[in-house]
């Protein structure tokens, strides 16, 4: 087991070491060093190492594609003002009281996150629009931050564009569609719980008149519906596919099929569930490029989209190299053999705790899954008779819980910066994370429930 323990210990030491010189690259460095050690201990030659790296990146190619396509699509929606229209429509319809406004903000963040696939992206787009309104309700900066955090993290895991479910499904080699179907329910529970929890922050349910849009929701939609055309396109494609089994994007198959055997690229060109969602995002983005506000800024849209997601993609690529090395060196098989000596309950509880711990220390659900669930997922499905769907569902929920807990939630630190910039008030990031604790614990419980056969 030393061949397994040493690369993992090195990974954690590099990720957690508090050295300023490598702080900005420690996750990527740790993943690559761990991969190199695994390759060396597995007596892998140069050709085997390259093959392992490509294979590992290929395993995560759907997730990498989701990050790239989603980020570019997000930039088109910012330029078109689609999110503004959604927010104002919700405020005009259900946001006429303090509690209604909080609900509309959380729902908007969830919608944005479910279409962008990233908590930080959705909170950045929505946060600036709603922080002042929340402050006018006499909420503290920390309460405002908690509302944004819960809406953003719930949105990031809410299907259809859900990096958490895509990644966990990829790591246990199972189709993502069955996981997503249950995910709509489990994440929906988290959204409702988040709204009810945030309502406890409200002292008075009366909302100042200036915060209520002067136009009714129907008028807003009538005036601004053209902003929503790409969004409607995406939703229609996904609904036709998931609800009516109509594959609109089959028309792309002859064009994409020549690329279907190329590793990594086939994540976009394959004809399965994950690839169809990537293709739907690409089609919606092309539709957005027809809008005048986007058409003249296409290069800028690509530049900002790629820059905003570059660090995430780099981490995913490095994680893919590590995962490929672990598989090629036989380390996963050794872990599976070792787990036969442990009780099922111990593995599930301890593995879930480790998954959350890495999320807590790195502030990233994807890092937690890439470093822990890459080992744990095959153990759950191979040795403990947990169905791949339940394993993926639980892994995503536990990783989400961990990334939102103290001390290192990256989304919270982004929120603190936005709140400080808009309100010129200091917000305590640790307090925001603790305010969100009831919901993160609920997410963890859902994850454990999936692993123990309750879903």
Protein backbone atom coordinates (compact mmCIF):
# COMPACT_ATOMS: atom_id res chain seq x y z
CA UNK A 1 0.00 0.00 0.00
CA UNK A 2 3.03 2.31 0.18
CA UNK A 3 2.74 2.86 -3.56
CA UNK A 4 -0.73 4.28 -2.90
CA UNK A 5 -0.03 6.15 0.35
CA UNK A 6 3.09 8.03 -0.80
CA UNK A 7 1.54 9.80 -3.84
CA UNK A 8 -1.55 10.72 -1.79
CA UNK A 9 0.51 12.08 1.12
CA UNK A 10 2.61 14.16 -1.27
CA UNK A 11 -0.58 15.48 -2.87
CA UNK A 12 -1.99 16.65 0.46
CA UNK A 13 1.30 18.13 1.65
CA UNK A 14 1.69 20.22 -1.48
CA UNK A 15 -1.97 21.33 -1.57
CA UNK A 16 -2.03 22.34 2.10
CA UNK A 17 1.48 23.75 2.53
CA UNK A 18 1.25 27.45 3.53
CA UNK A 19 4.09 28.70 1.35
CA UNK A 20 3.40 31.95 -0.51
CA UNK A 21 5.70 31.05 -3.38
CA UNK A 22 3.50 28.15 -4.52
CA UNK A 23 0.11 29.14 -3.09
CA UNK A 24 -1.32 30.08 -6.48
CA UNK A 25 -0.26 26.83 -8.14
CA UNK A 26 -0.14 24.34 -5.28
CA UNK A 27 -3.21 22.34 -6.35
CA UNK A 28 -1.90 21.87 -9.89
CA UNK A 29 1.63 21.18 -8.64
CA UNK A 30 0.38 18.64 -6.10
CA UNK A 31 -1.67 16.76 -8.69
CA UNK A 32 1.24 16.57 -11.14
CA UNK A 33 3.80 15.54 -8.50
CA UNK A 34 1.43 12.85 -7.28
CA UNK A 35 1.06 11.62 -10.87
CA UNK A 36 4.81 11.54 -11.44
CA UNK A 37 5.39 9.58 -8.22
CA UNK A 38 2.68 7.09 -9.16
CA UNK A 39 4.27 6.67 -12.61
CA UNK A 40 7.69 6.08 -11.06
CA UNK A 41 6.44 3.61 -8.46
CA UNK A 42 4.48 1.79 -11.14
CA UNK A 43 7.65 1.40 -13.32
CA UNK A 44 5.97 3.20 -16.18
CA UNK A 45 8.09 4.21 -19.15
CA UNK A 46 7.70 7.45 -21.16
CA UNK A 47 5.25 5.94 -23.63
CA UNK A 48 3.11 4.41 -20.88
CA UNK A 49 3.15 7.67 -18.95
CA UNK A 50 1.95 9.68 -21.95
CA UNK A 51 -0.76 7.10 -22.67
CA UNK A 52 -1.87 7.19 -19.03
CA UNK A 53 -2.02 11.00 -19.01
CA UNK A 54 -4.13 11.10 -22.17
CA UNK A 55 -6.42 8.39 -20.81
CA UNK A 56 -6.93 10.28 -17.54
CA UNK A 57 -7.66 13.58 -19.26
CA UNK A 58 -10.09 11.74 -21.52
CA UNK A 59 -11.97 10.51 -18.43
CA UNK A 60 -12.55 14.14 -17.37
CA UNK A 61 -13.00 15.58 -20.85
CA UNK A 62 -16.77 16.08 -20.38
CA UNK A 63 -16.12 18.17 -17.31
CA UNK A 64 -13.40 20.19 -19.04
CA UNK A 65 -15.71 20.80 -21.99
CA UNK A 66 -18.49 21.86 -19.64
CA UNK A 67 -16.21 24.46 -18.04
CA UNK A 68 -15.02 25.87 -21.38
CA UNK A 69 -18.36 25.94 -23.20
CA UNK A 70 -20.24 27.09 -20.11
CA UNK A 71 -17.90 30.01 -19.49
CA UNK A 72 -18.13 31.31 -23.05
CA UNK A 73 -21.92 30.92 -22.99
CA UNK A 74 -22.02 32.82 -19.68
CA UNK A 75 -20.23 35.77 -21.25
CA UNK A 76 -22.81 35.97 -24.05
CA UNK A 77 -25.63 36.02 -21.49
CA UNK A 78 -23.99 38.82 -19.51
CA UNK A 79 -23.68 40.93 -22.66
CA UNK A 80 -27.27 40.28 -23.70
CA UNK A 81 -28.65 41.12 -20.23
CA UNK A 82 -30.54 37.81 -20.00
CA UNK A 83 -29.87 37.44 -16.28
CA UNK A 84 -31.19 40.98 -15.61
CA UNK A 85 -34.42 40.08 -17.34
CA UNK A 86 -34.82 36.85 -15.37
CA UNK A 87 -34.13 38.62 -12.06
CA UNK A 88 -36.51 41.52 -12.71
CA UNK A 89 -39.24 39.14 -13.86
CA UNK A 90 -38.93 37.14 -10.65
CA UNK A 91 -38.91 40.30 -8.53
CA UNK A 92 -42.02 41.60 -10.25
CA UNK A 93 -43.87 38.32 -9.81
CA UNK A 94 -42.84 36.88 -6.42
CA UNK A 95 -40.43 39.44 -5.00
CA UNK A 96 -42.86 42.10 -3.72
CA UNK A 97 -42.10 41.32 -0.05
CA UNK A 98 -38.80 40.90 1.76
CA UNK A 99 -39.17 37.14 1.83
CA UNK A 100 -40.33 37.14 -1.77
CA UNK A 101 -37.28 39.14 -2.82
CA UNK A 102 -34.95 36.71 -1.04
CA UNK A 103 -36.70 33.77 -2.71
CA UNK A 104 -36.47 35.43 -6.13
CA UNK A 105 -32.75 36.13 -5.67
CA UNK A 106 -31.98 32.57 -4.61
CA UNK A 107 -34.06 31.15 -7.47
CA UNK A 108 -32.30 33.46 -9.94
CA UNK A 109 -28.91 32.35 -8.64
CA UNK A 110 -29.99 28.72 -8.93
CA UNK A 111 -31.17 29.25 -12.51
CA UNK A 112 -27.94 31.06 -13.39
CA UNK A 113 -25.82 28.37 -11.73
CA UNK A 114 -27.75 25.54 -13.39
CA UNK A 115 -27.13 27.11 -16.78
CA UNK A 116 -23.55 28.22 -16.16
CA UNK A 117 -22.45 25.24 -14.07
CA UNK A 118 -20.30 27.27 -11.71
CA UNK A 119 -20.99 28.95 -8.35
CA UNK A 120 -18.43 31.72 -8.72
CA UNK A 121 -19.62 32.62 -12.22
CA UNK A 122 -23.27 32.86 -11.15
CA UNK A 123 -22.57 34.86 -8.00
CA UNK A 124 -20.36 37.25 -9.95
CA UNK A 125 -23.06 37.85 -12.56
CA UNK A 126 -25.96 38.17 -10.11
CA UNK A 127 -24.28 39.52 -6.98
CA UNK A 128 -23.63 43.06 -8.14
CA UNK A 129 -27.29 43.36 -9.19
CA UNK A 130 -28.86 42.37 -5.87
CA UNK A 131 -26.48 43.28 -3.03
CA UNK A 132 -27.80 46.83 -2.66
CA UNK A 133 -31.40 45.58 -2.55
CA UNK A 134 -30.53 43.15 0.25
CA UNK A 135 -28.69 45.88 2.15
CA UNK A 136 -31.76 48.12 1.91
CA UNK A 137 -33.63 45.39 3.80
CA UNK A 138 -31.25 46.02 6.74
CA UNK A 139 -29.57 42.66 6.40
CA UNK A 140 -26.00 42.39 7.67
CA UNK A 141 -23.20 41.94 5.11
CA UNK A 142 -22.80 38.37 6.37
CA UNK A 143 -26.50 37.59 5.91
CA UNK A 144 -26.36 39.06 2.42
CA UNK A 145 -23.29 36.94 1.72
CA UNK A 146 -25.01 33.79 3.01
CA UNK A 147 -27.99 34.32 0.68
CA UNK A 148 -25.67 34.70 -2.29
CA UNK A 149 -23.54 31.72 -1.25
CA UNK A 150 -26.46 29.31 -0.83
CA UNK A 151 -28.08 30.34 -4.11
CA UNK A 152 -24.78 30.03 -5.97
CA UNK A 153 -23.67 26.64 -4.62
CA UNK A 154 -27.15 25.13 -5.05
CA UNK A 155 -27.17 26.47 -8.60
CA UNK A 156 -23.73 25.05 -9.36
CA UNK A 157 -24.92 21.51 -8.61
CA UNK A 158 -28.46 21.91 -10.01
CA UNK A 159 -28.94 20.14 -13.37
CA UNK A 160 -28.86 20.40 -16.31
CA UNK A 161 -25.35 21.93 -16.39
CA UNK A 162 -23.89 20.53 -13.21
CA UNK A 163 -20.16 20.07 -12.89
CA UNK A 164 -20.55 18.16 -9.61
CA UNK A 165 -22.76 15.43 -11.10
CA UNK A 166 -20.81 15.32 -14.38
CA UNK A 167 -17.52 14.83 -12.54
CA UNK A 168 -18.78 12.24 -10.07
CA UNK A 169 -20.49 10.27 -12.86
CA UNK A 170 -17.29 10.36 -14.92
CA UNK A 171 -15.21 9.09 -12.00
CA UNK A 172 -17.42 6.00 -11.55
CA UNK A 173 -17.85 5.54 -15.30
CA UNK A 174 -21.64 5.79 -15.36
CA UNK A 175 -24.05 7.75 -17.60
CA UNK A 176 -24.90 11.11 -16.09
CA UNK A 177 -28.59 11.18 -17.06
CA UNK A 178 -29.87 8.84 -14.27
CA UNK A 179 -27.86 10.83 -11.71
CA UNK A 180 -29.29 14.11 -12.96
CA UNK A 181 -32.90 12.87 -12.75
CA UNK A 182 -32.54 12.20 -9.02
CA UNK A 183 -30.43 15.34 -8.65
CA UNK A 184 -33.35 17.56 -9.64
CA UNK A 185 -35.17 16.30 -6.54
CA UNK A 186 -32.29 16.31 -4.05
CA UNK A 187 -31.01 19.73 -5.08
CA UNK A 188 -34.59 21.02 -5.14
CA UNK A 189 -34.82 20.05 -1.46
CA UNK A 190 -31.65 22.05 -0.79
CA UNK A 191 -33.06 25.09 -2.62
CA UNK A 192 -36.29 25.05 -0.60
CA UNK A 193 -34.34 24.59 2.62
CA UNK A 194 -32.03 27.49 1.69
CA UNK A 195 -34.98 29.82 1.10
CA UNK A 196 -36.63 28.85 4.40
CA UNK A 197 -33.34 29.28 6.28
CA UNK A 198 -32.63 32.70 4.75
CA UNK A 199 -36.13 33.87 5.60
CA UNK A 200 -35.08 33.72 9.26
CA UNK A 201 -32.80 36.72 8.56
CA UNK A 202 -35.80 38.97 7.79
CA UNK A 203 -37.04 41.35 10.50
CA UNK A 204 -39.86 42.93 8.50
CA UNK A 205 -41.57 41.39 5.50
CA UNK A 206 -42.49 44.78 4.05
CA UNK A 207 -40.36 45.84 1.11
CA UNK A 208 -39.59 49.49 0.19
CA UNK A 209 -41.56 50.55 -2.87
CA UNK A 210 -38.42 51.51 -4.81
CA UNK A 211 -37.26 47.87 -4.76
CA UNK A 212 -40.39 46.64 -6.55
CA UNK A 213 -40.14 46.87 -10.37
CA UNK A 214 -42.61 49.38 -11.81
CA UNK A 215 -43.46 47.07 -14.69
CA UNK A 216 -45.36 43.81 -14.18
CA UNK A 217 -43.61 40.58 -15.01
CA UNK A 218 -45.62 40.16 -18.21
CA UNK A 219 -44.55 43.63 -19.39
CA UNK A 220 -40.89 42.92 -18.65
CA UNK A 221 -41.04 39.71 -20.65
CA UNK A 222 -42.92 41.42 -23.47
CA UNK A 223 -40.28 44.17 -23.66
CA UNK A 224 -37.17 42.05 -23.20
CA UNK A 225 -38.03 38.55 -24.47
CA UNK A 226 -35.45 38.76 -27.25
CA UNK A 227 -32.71 38.69 -24.60
CA UNK A 228 -33.90 35.22 -23.62
CA UNK A 229 -33.76 33.57 -27.06
CA UNK A 230 -30.45 31.71 -26.47
CA UNK A 231 -31.65 30.66 -23.01
CA UNK A 232 -34.98 29.46 -24.44
CA UNK A 233 -33.10 27.58 -27.17
CA UNK A 234 -31.01 25.77 -24.57
CA UNK A 235 -34.00 24.95 -22.39
CA UNK A 236 -36.08 23.67 -25.34
CA UNK A 237 -33.29 21.36 -26.53
CA UNK A 238 -32.80 19.94 -23.04
CA UNK A 239 -36.55 19.54 -22.34
CA UNK A 240 -37.17 17.81 -25.68
CA UNK A 241 -34.31 15.43 -24.97
CA UNK A 242 -34.94 14.62 -21.31
CA UNK A 243 -38.73 14.90 -21.24
CA UNK A 244 -39.79 13.68 -24.69
CA UNK A 245 -36.74 11.64 -25.81
CA UNK A 246 -36.42 13.81 -28.93
CA UNK A 247 -32.76 14.22 -29.93
CA UNK A 248 -32.84 17.50 -31.86
CA UNK A 249 -29.06 17.53 -32.13
CA UNK A 250 -28.94 14.29 -34.09
CA UNK A 251 -28.64 16.51 -37.14
CA UNK A 252 -25.06 17.25 -36.00
CA UNK A 253 -24.01 13.58 -35.94
CA UNK A 254 -22.78 13.34 -39.56
CA UNK A 255 -20.67 16.47 -39.03
CA UNK A 256 -19.17 15.32 -35.72
CA UNK A 257 -18.81 11.59 -36.26
CA UNK A 258 -15.32 11.81 -37.91
CA UNK A 259 -14.01 13.26 -34.63
CA UNK A 260 -15.67 10.63 -32.44
CA UNK A 261 -12.57 8.44 -32.02
CA UNK A 262 -10.18 11.22 -30.96
CA UNK A 263 -9.46 11.14 -27.21
CA UNK A 264 -10.66 14.21 -25.27
CA UNK A 265 -12.29 15.75 -28.36
CA UNK A 266 -14.88 12.94 -28.38
CA UNK A 267 -16.36 14.40 -25.20
CA UNK A 268 -18.05 16.92 -27.48
CA UNK A 269 -18.56 14.71 -30.51
CA UNK A 270 -19.91 11.56 -28.86
CA UNK A 271 -23.64 10.96 -29.06
CA UNK A 272 -24.41 10.28 -25.38
CA UNK A 273 -26.00 12.35 -22.60
CA UNK A 274 -23.06 14.49 -21.47
CA UNK A 275 -22.00 15.29 -25.01
CA UNK A 276 -25.52 16.30 -26.00
CA UNK A 277 -25.59 18.88 -23.22
CA UNK A 278 -22.24 20.28 -24.37
CA UNK A 279 -23.57 20.45 -27.90
CA UNK A 280 -26.72 22.20 -26.66
CA UNK A 281 -24.60 24.85 -24.92
CA UNK A 282 -22.59 25.33 -28.12
CA UNK A 283 -25.78 25.77 -30.17
CA UNK A 284 -27.19 28.28 -27.64
CA UNK A 285 -23.89 30.18 -27.79
CA UNK A 286 -24.05 30.34 -31.59
CA UNK A 287 -27.59 31.70 -31.32
CA UNK A 288 -26.34 34.35 -28.86
CA UNK A 289 -23.63 35.38 -31.33
CA UNK A 290 -26.43 36.56 -33.63
CA UNK A 291 -27.47 39.23 -31.10
CA UNK A 292 -26.14 42.74 -31.93
CA UNK A 293 -24.75 43.22 -28.40
CA UNK A 294 -22.64 40.07 -28.79
CA UNK A 295 -21.95 39.92 -32.52
CA UNK A 296 -19.47 42.79 -32.50
CA UNK A 297 -17.63 41.51 -29.43
CA UNK A 298 -17.16 37.83 -30.25
CA UNK A 299 -13.39 37.85 -29.70
CA UNK A 300 -13.83 39.65 -26.40
CA UNK A 301 -16.46 37.10 -25.34
CA UNK A 302 -14.08 34.25 -26.08
CA UNK A 303 -11.19 35.98 -24.34
CA UNK A 304 -13.10 36.70 -21.14
CA UNK A 305 -14.73 33.28 -21.14
CA UNK A 306 -11.43 31.46 -21.48
CA UNK A 307 -9.59 33.67 -18.98
CA UNK A 308 -12.28 33.25 -16.33
CA UNK A 309 -12.13 29.47 -16.53
CA UNK A 310 -8.44 28.94 -17.27
CA UNK A 311 -7.39 28.02 -13.72
CA UNK A 312 -10.28 25.58 -13.35
CA UNK A 313 -9.41 23.85 -16.63
CA UNK A 314 -5.74 23.65 -15.67
CA UNK A 315 -6.67 21.91 -12.41
CA UNK A 316 -8.96 19.52 -14.28
CA UNK A 317 -6.22 18.63 -16.78
CA UNK A 318 -3.70 18.03 -13.98
CA UNK A 319 -6.27 15.91 -12.14
CA UNK A 320 -6.81 13.91 -15.31
CA UNK A 321 -3.07 13.22 -15.57
CA UNK A 322 -3.03 12.01 -11.95
CA UNK A 323 -6.10 9.82 -12.35
CA UNK A 324 -4.68 8.27 -15.51
CA UNK A 325 -1.38 7.55 -13.74
CA UNK A 326 -3.16 5.94 -10.79
CA UNK A 327 -5.18 3.66 -13.05
CA UNK A 328 -2.25 2.73 -15.31
CA UNK A 329 0.03 2.01 -12.32
CA UNK A 330 -2.59 -0.28 -10.78
CA UNK A 331 -3.05 1.85 -7.67
CA UNK A 332 -6.84 1.81 -7.87
CA UNK A 333 -6.80 -1.99 -7.95
CA UNK A 334 -4.56 -2.08 -4.86
CA UNK A 335 -6.93 0.19 -2.97
CA UNK A 336 -9.87 -1.99 -3.96
CA UNK A 337 -8.09 -5.07 -2.60
CA UNK A 338 -7.21 -3.29 0.65
CA UNK A 339 -10.78 -2.20 1.25
CA UNK A 340 -11.91 -5.83 1.45
CA UNK A 341 -10.46 -5.87 4.98
CA UNK A 342 -12.56 -2.89 6.14
CA UNK A 343 -16.22 -2.68 7.07
CA UNK A 344 -18.59 -1.09 4.57
CA UNK A 345 -19.91 1.45 7.07
CA UNK A 346 -16.37 2.56 8.00
CA UNK A 347 -15.46 3.13 4.38
CA UNK A 348 -18.60 5.11 3.62
CA UNK A 349 -18.48 7.34 6.70
CA UNK A 350 -14.71 7.82 6.67
CA UNK A 351 -14.53 8.32 2.91
CA UNK A 352 -17.31 10.90 3.00
CA UNK A 353 -15.55 12.74 5.83
CA UNK A 354 -12.30 12.82 3.84
CA UNK A 355 -14.19 14.08 0.78
CA UNK A 356 -15.63 16.95 2.81
CA UNK A 357 -12.30 17.64 4.53
CA UNK A 358 -10.50 18.19 1.24
CA UNK A 359 -13.36 20.42 0.09
CA UNK A 360 -13.11 22.41 3.30
CA UNK A 361 -9.34 22.87 3.01
CA UNK A 362 -9.23 23.67 -0.71
CA UNK A 363 -12.61 25.38 -1.18
CA UNK A 364 -13.28 23.37 -4.31
CA UNK A 365 -15.68 20.49 -4.88
CA UNK A 366 -13.86 19.49 -8.05
CA UNK A 367 -10.55 19.19 -6.19
CA UNK A 368 -12.22 17.12 -3.47
CA UNK A 369 -13.71 14.76 -6.04
CA UNK A 370 -10.55 14.52 -8.13
CA UNK A 371 -8.37 13.71 -5.13
CA UNK A 372 -10.68 11.53 -3.00
CA UNK A 373 -13.64 10.35 -5.05
CA UNK A 374 -11.28 9.15 -7.78
CA UNK A 375 -10.28 6.43 -5.27
CA UNK A 376 -13.50 6.17 -3.33
CA UNK A 377 -15.95 5.96 -6.23
CA UNK A 378 -14.60 2.68 -7.66
CA UNK A 379 -14.45 1.26 -4.11
CA UNK A 380 -18.12 2.04 -3.50
CA UNK A 381 -19.25 0.52 -6.78
CA UNK A 382 -16.73 -2.33 -6.92
CA UNK A 383 -16.57 -3.60 -3.34
CA UNK A 384 -19.55 -2.22 -1.45
CA UNK A 385 -22.36 -2.89 -3.96
CA UNK A 386 -23.35 0.78 -4.13
CA UNK A 387 -24.97 1.49 -7.49
CA UNK A 388 -22.98 3.83 -9.75
CA UNK A 389 -25.93 6.26 -9.75
CA UNK A 390 -26.04 6.39 -5.94
CA UNK A 391 -22.26 6.64 -5.67
CA UNK A 392 -22.15 9.60 -8.08
CA UNK A 393 -25.12 11.31 -6.41
CA UNK A 394 -23.59 10.99 -2.94
CA UNK A 395 -20.13 12.04 -4.08
CA UNK A 396 -21.43 15.26 -5.64
CA UNK A 397 -23.49 16.22 -2.57
CA UNK A 398 -20.68 15.51 -0.08
CA UNK A 399 -18.16 17.45 -2.18
CA UNK A 400 -20.57 20.38 -2.42
CA UNK A 401 -21.01 20.33 1.36
CA UNK A 402 -17.27 20.36 1.92
CA UNK A 403 -16.50 23.22 -0.45
CA UNK A 404 -18.98 25.49 1.36
CA UNK A 405 -17.69 24.82 4.89
CA UNK A 406 -15.01 26.83 6.72
CA UNK A 407 -12.23 27.72 6.32
CA UNK A 408 -11.56 28.01 2.57
CA UNK A 409 -14.78 28.36 0.55
CA UNK A 410 -13.60 30.10 -2.63
CA UNK A 411 -17.10 31.27 -3.54
CA UNK A 412 -17.42 33.01 -0.17
CA UNK A 413 -14.18 34.91 -0.68
CA UNK A 414 -15.45 36.14 -4.04
CA UNK A 415 -18.73 37.19 -2.40
CA UNK A 416 -16.89 39.10 0.33
CA UNK A 417 -15.02 41.08 -2.33
CA UNK A 418 -18.22 41.91 -4.20
CA UNK A 419 -20.08 42.91 -1.01
CA UNK A 420 -17.18 45.11 0.09
CA UNK A 421 -16.96 46.76 -3.33
CA UNK A 422 -20.68 47.53 -3.59
CA UNK A 423 -21.45 48.46 0.03
CA UNK A 424 -18.04 49.61 1.27
CA UNK A 425 -18.69 47.38 4.30
CA UNK A 426 -16.51 44.62 5.70
CA UNK A 427 -17.98 41.12 5.62
CA UNK A 428 -16.55 38.24 7.66
CA UNK A 429 -16.10 35.25 5.29
CA UNK A 430 -15.90 32.66 8.09
CA UNK A 431 -19.16 33.91 9.56
CA UNK A 432 -20.83 33.62 6.15
CA UNK A 433 -19.68 30.00 5.91
CA UNK A 434 -21.03 29.26 9.39
CA UNK A 435 -24.36 30.93 8.56
CA UNK A 436 -24.66 28.53 5.61
CA UNK A 437 -23.74 25.54 7.80
CA UNK A 438 -27.29 24.10 8.24
CA UNK A 439 -27.68 23.74 4.47
CA UNK A 440 -24.21 22.30 3.92
CA UNK A 441 -24.89 19.71 6.63
CA UNK A 442 -28.17 18.85 4.89
CA UNK A 443 -26.26 18.34 1.64
CA UNK A 444 -23.84 16.00 3.44
CA UNK A 445 -26.72 14.01 4.91
CA UNK A 446 -28.25 13.61 1.43
CA UNK A 447 -24.89 12.34 0.19
CA UNK A 448 -24.60 9.77 2.97
CA UNK A 449 -28.23 8.73 2.46
CA UNK A 450 -27.46 7.92 -1.18
CA UNK A 451 -24.46 5.79 -0.22
CA UNK A 452 -26.42 3.91 2.45
CA UNK A 453 -29.11 2.92 -0.04
CA UNK A 454 -31.89 5.40 0.78
CA UNK A 455 -32.12 6.65 -2.84
